[in-house]
Amino acid sequence: MRNESGQVRLDWAELVVLGAKEKIRQIEEDRRASQDLRKVAADQIRNRAGDSDVTAADEVKRSGWISS
């Protein structure tokens, strides 16, 4: 970091804030990807398209893994 920035002293607070912002960005990206996958799966089930296993989906819902 010192070599890249050309500074002898590093601002640790800034590095922590930047790291936290990056972590939040990653979490939000993961959340969006999960939402997109769930939407695709739900659409496939609703449209009876793809290799959806409706019985398995009903079991997942009944067992409490998801809520309606």
N, C-alpha and C. Protein backbone atom coordinates (compact mmCIF):
# COMPACT_ATOMS: atom_id res chain seq x y z
N MET A 1 0.82 -1.18 0.00
CA MET A 1 0.00 0.00 0.00
C MET A 1 0.88 1.26 0.00
N ARG A 2 1.91 1.22 0.79
CA ARG A 2 2.78 2.40 0.84
C ARG A 2 3.42 2.65 -0.53
N ASN A 3 3.88 1.58 -1.15
CA ASN A 3 4.50 1.73 -2.48
C ASN A 3 3.51 2.27 -3.50
N GLU A 4 2.31 1.75 -3.50
CA GLU A 4 1.30 2.15 -4.48
C GLU A 4 0.83 3.58 -4.25
N SER A 5 0.66 3.96 -2.98
CA SER A 5 0.14 5.30 -2.69
C SER A 5 1.24 6.37 -2.70
N GLY A 6 2.48 5.94 -2.55
CA GLY A 6 3.58 6.90 -2.50
C GLY A 6 3.67 7.63 -1.16
N GLN A 7 2.94 7.13 -0.18
CA GLN A 7 2.93 7.75 1.14
C GLN A 7 3.62 6.84 2.15
N VAL A 8 4.28 7.47 3.11
CA VAL A 8 4.94 6.70 4.15
C VAL A 8 3.92 6.21 5.17
N ARG A 9 2.98 7.09 5.50
CA ARG A 9 1.96 6.75 6.50
C ARG A 9 0.67 6.35 5.80
N LEU A 10 0.06 5.34 6.34
CA LEU A 10 -1.23 4.90 5.82
C LEU A 10 -2.34 5.37 6.75
N ASP A 11 -3.46 5.76 6.16
CA ASP A 11 -4.61 6.17 6.94
C ASP A 11 -5.45 4.92 7.21
N TRP A 12 -5.25 4.32 8.39
CA TRP A 12 -5.91 3.06 8.72
C TRP A 12 -7.42 3.22 8.79
N ALA A 13 -7.88 4.35 9.28
CA ALA A 13 -9.33 4.57 9.35
C ALA A 13 -9.94 4.56 7.97
N GLU A 14 -9.27 5.19 7.02
CA GLU A 14 -9.77 5.20 5.65
C GLU A 14 -9.78 3.79 5.07
N LEU A 15 -8.73 3.02 5.34
CA LEU A 15 -8.68 1.64 4.85
C LEU A 15 -9.80 0.79 5.44
N VAL A 16 -10.10 1.00 6.71
CA VAL A 16 -11.19 0.25 7.35
C VAL A 16 -12.53 0.63 6.72
N VAL A 17 -12.76 1.93 6.51
CA VAL A 17 -14.01 2.39 5.91
C VAL A 17 -14.13 1.85 4.49
N LEU A 18 -13.06 1.93 3.71
CA LEU A 18 -13.10 1.41 2.35
C LEU A 18 -13.36 -0.09 2.33
N GLY A 19 -12.73 -0.80 3.26
CA GLY A 19 -12.95 -2.25 3.36
C GLY A 19 -14.39 -2.56 3.73
N ALA A 20 -14.96 -1.79 4.66
CA ALA A 20 -16.34 -2.00 5.06
C ALA A 20 -17.29 -1.71 3.90
N LYS A 21 -17.01 -0.66 3.15
CA LYS A 21 -17.86 -0.34 1.98
C LYS A 21 -17.80 -1.46 0.95
N GLU A 22 -16.62 -2.00 0.73
CA GLU A 22 -16.47 -3.10 -0.23
C GLU A 22 -17.22 -4.33 0.26
N LYS A 23 -17.15 -4.60 1.56
CA LYS A 23 -17.86 -5.76 2.11
C LYS A 23 -19.37 -5.59 1.94
N ILE A 24 -19.88 -4.41 2.20
CA ILE A 24 -21.31 -4.14 2.01
C ILE A 24 -21.69 -4.33 0.54
N ARG A 25 -20.86 -3.85 -0.37
CA ARG A 25 -21.12 -4.02 -1.80
C ARG A 25 -21.20 -5.50 -2.16
N GLN A 26 -20.29 -6.30 -1.62
CA GLN A 26 -20.28 -7.73 -1.89
C GLN A 26 -21.55 -8.40 -1.34
N ILE A 27 -21.94 -8.03 -0.14
CA ILE A 27 -23.15 -8.60 0.47
C ILE A 27 -24.37 -8.26 -0.37
N GLU A 28 -24.47 -7.00 -0.80
CA GLU A 28 -25.61 -6.59 -1.62
C GLU A 28 -25.62 -7.32 -2.96
N GLU A 29 -24.44 -7.50 -3.54
CA GLU A 29 -24.34 -8.23 -4.81
C GLU A 29 -24.78 -9.68 -4.64
N ASP A 30 -24.35 -10.31 -3.55
CA ASP A 30 -24.76 -11.69 -3.27
C ASP A 30 -26.26 -11.77 -3.06
N ARG A 31 -26.82 -10.80 -2.35
CA ARG A 31 -28.25 -10.77 -2.08
C ARG A 31 -29.04 -10.65 -3.39
N ARG A 32 -28.59 -9.75 -4.27
CA ARG A 32 -29.26 -9.59 -5.57
C ARG A 32 -29.19 -10.87 -6.39
N ALA A 33 -28.04 -11.51 -6.39
CA ALA A 33 -27.88 -12.76 -7.15
C ALA A 33 -28.82 -13.84 -6.60
N SER A 34 -28.93 -13.93 -5.27
CA SER A 34 -29.83 -14.91 -4.66
C SER A 34 -31.28 -14.61 -5.01
N GLN A 35 -31.65 -13.33 -4.95
CA GLN A 35 -33.01 -12.95 -5.30
C GLN A 35 -33.31 -13.29 -6.75
N ASP A 36 -32.36 -13.04 -7.64
CA ASP A 36 -32.55 -13.36 -9.06
C ASP A 36 -32.76 -14.86 -9.26
N LEU A 37 -31.95 -15.66 -8.58
CA LEU A 37 -32.09 -17.11 -8.71
C LEU A 37 -33.43 -17.60 -8.17
N ARG A 38 -33.86 -17.03 -7.03
CA ARG A 38 -35.15 -17.42 -6.48
C ARG A 38 -36.28 -17.04 -7.42
N LYS A 39 -36.17 -15.87 -8.05
CA LYS A 39 -37.21 -15.43 -8.99
C LYS A 39 -37.27 -16.36 -10.19
N VAL A 40 -36.13 -16.74 -10.73
CA VAL A 40 -36.10 -17.66 -11.87
C VAL A 40 -36.74 -18.99 -11.48
N ALA A 41 -36.37 -19.51 -10.32
CA ALA A 41 -36.93 -20.78 -9.87
C ALA A 41 -38.45 -20.68 -9.67
N ALA A 42 -38.89 -19.59 -9.05
CA ALA A 42 -40.33 -19.40 -8.83
C ALA A 42 -41.08 -19.29 -10.15
N ASP A 43 -40.51 -18.56 -11.10
CA ASP A 43 -41.14 -18.43 -12.41
C ASP A 43 -41.23 -19.79 -13.11
N GLN A 44 -40.19 -20.58 -13.00
CA GLN A 44 -40.21 -21.91 -13.61
C GLN A 44 -41.30 -22.78 -12.99
N ILE A 45 -41.43 -22.71 -11.68
CA ILE A 45 -42.44 -23.50 -10.99
C ILE A 45 -43.83 -23.02 -11.39
N ARG A 46 -44.05 -21.70 -11.39
CA ARG A 46 -45.35 -21.16 -11.77
C ARG A 46 -45.74 -21.54 -13.19
N ASN A 47 -44.77 -21.53 -14.08
CA ASN A 47 -45.03 -21.81 -15.49
C ASN A 47 -44.86 -23.29 -15.85
N ARG A 48 -44.54 -24.09 -14.84
CA ARG A 48 -44.28 -25.52 -15.04
C ARG A 48 -43.27 -25.75 -16.15
N ALA A 49 -42.22 -24.93 -16.13
CA ALA A 49 -41.17 -25.00 -17.14
C ALA A 49 -39.90 -25.59 -16.52
N GLY A 50 -39.03 -26.03 -17.34
CA GLY A 50 -37.75 -26.54 -16.87
C GLY A 50 -37.88 -27.86 -16.14
N ASP A 51 -36.93 -28.15 -15.31
CA ASP A 51 -36.89 -29.41 -14.57
C ASP A 51 -37.37 -29.22 -13.13
N SER A 52 -38.32 -28.34 -12.92
CA SER A 52 -38.80 -28.05 -11.58
C SER A 52 -39.50 -29.28 -10.99
N ASP A 53 -39.23 -29.52 -9.73
CA ASP A 53 -39.86 -30.61 -8.99
C ASP A 53 -40.86 -29.99 -8.02
N VAL A 54 -42.11 -29.91 -8.42
CA VAL A 54 -43.14 -29.24 -7.63
C VAL A 54 -43.31 -29.92 -6.29
N THR A 55 -43.25 -31.24 -6.25
CA THR A 55 -43.38 -31.98 -5.00
C THR A 55 -42.26 -31.59 -4.03
N ALA A 56 -41.05 -31.51 -4.54
CA ALA A 56 -39.92 -31.12 -3.69
C ALA A 56 -40.09 -29.68 -3.22
N ALA A 57 -40.56 -28.80 -4.09
CA ALA A 57 -40.78 -27.40 -3.70
C ALA A 57 -41.83 -27.30 -2.62
N ASP A 58 -42.90 -28.08 -2.72
CA ASP A 58 -43.94 -28.09 -1.68
C ASP A 58 -43.38 -28.58 -0.36
N GLU A 59 -42.53 -29.59 -0.41
CA GLU A 59 -41.92 -30.13 0.82
C GLU A 59 -41.02 -29.08 1.48
N VAL A 60 -40.26 -28.36 0.68
CA VAL A 60 -39.40 -27.30 1.22
C VAL A 60 -40.26 -26.25 1.92
N LYS A 61 -41.36 -25.88 1.30
CA LYS A 61 -42.25 -24.89 1.91
C LYS A 61 -42.87 -25.43 3.20
N ARG A 62 -43.35 -26.67 3.16
CA ARG A 62 -43.97 -27.27 4.36
C ARG A 62 -42.98 -27.41 5.50
N SER A 63 -41.73 -27.71 5.18
CA SER A 63 -40.74 -27.94 6.24
C SER A 63 -40.22 -26.65 6.87
N GLY A 64 -40.65 -25.50 6.31
CA GLY A 64 -40.29 -24.24 6.94
C GLY A 64 -39.06 -23.56 6.38
N TRP A 65 -38.48 -24.10 5.31
CA TRP A 65 -37.30 -23.47 4.73
C TRP A 65 -37.65 -22.14 4.08
N ILE A 66 -38.87 -22.03 3.59
CA ILE A 66 -39.33 -20.77 3.02
C ILE A 66 -40.72 -20.49 3.57
N SER A 67 -41.13 -19.25 3.47
CA SER A 67 -42.50 -18.90 3.90
C SER A 67 -43.25 -18.34 2.71
N SER A 68 -44.55 -18.39 2.80
CA SER A 68 -45.36 -17.94 1.67
C SER A 68 -45.56 -16.45 1.66
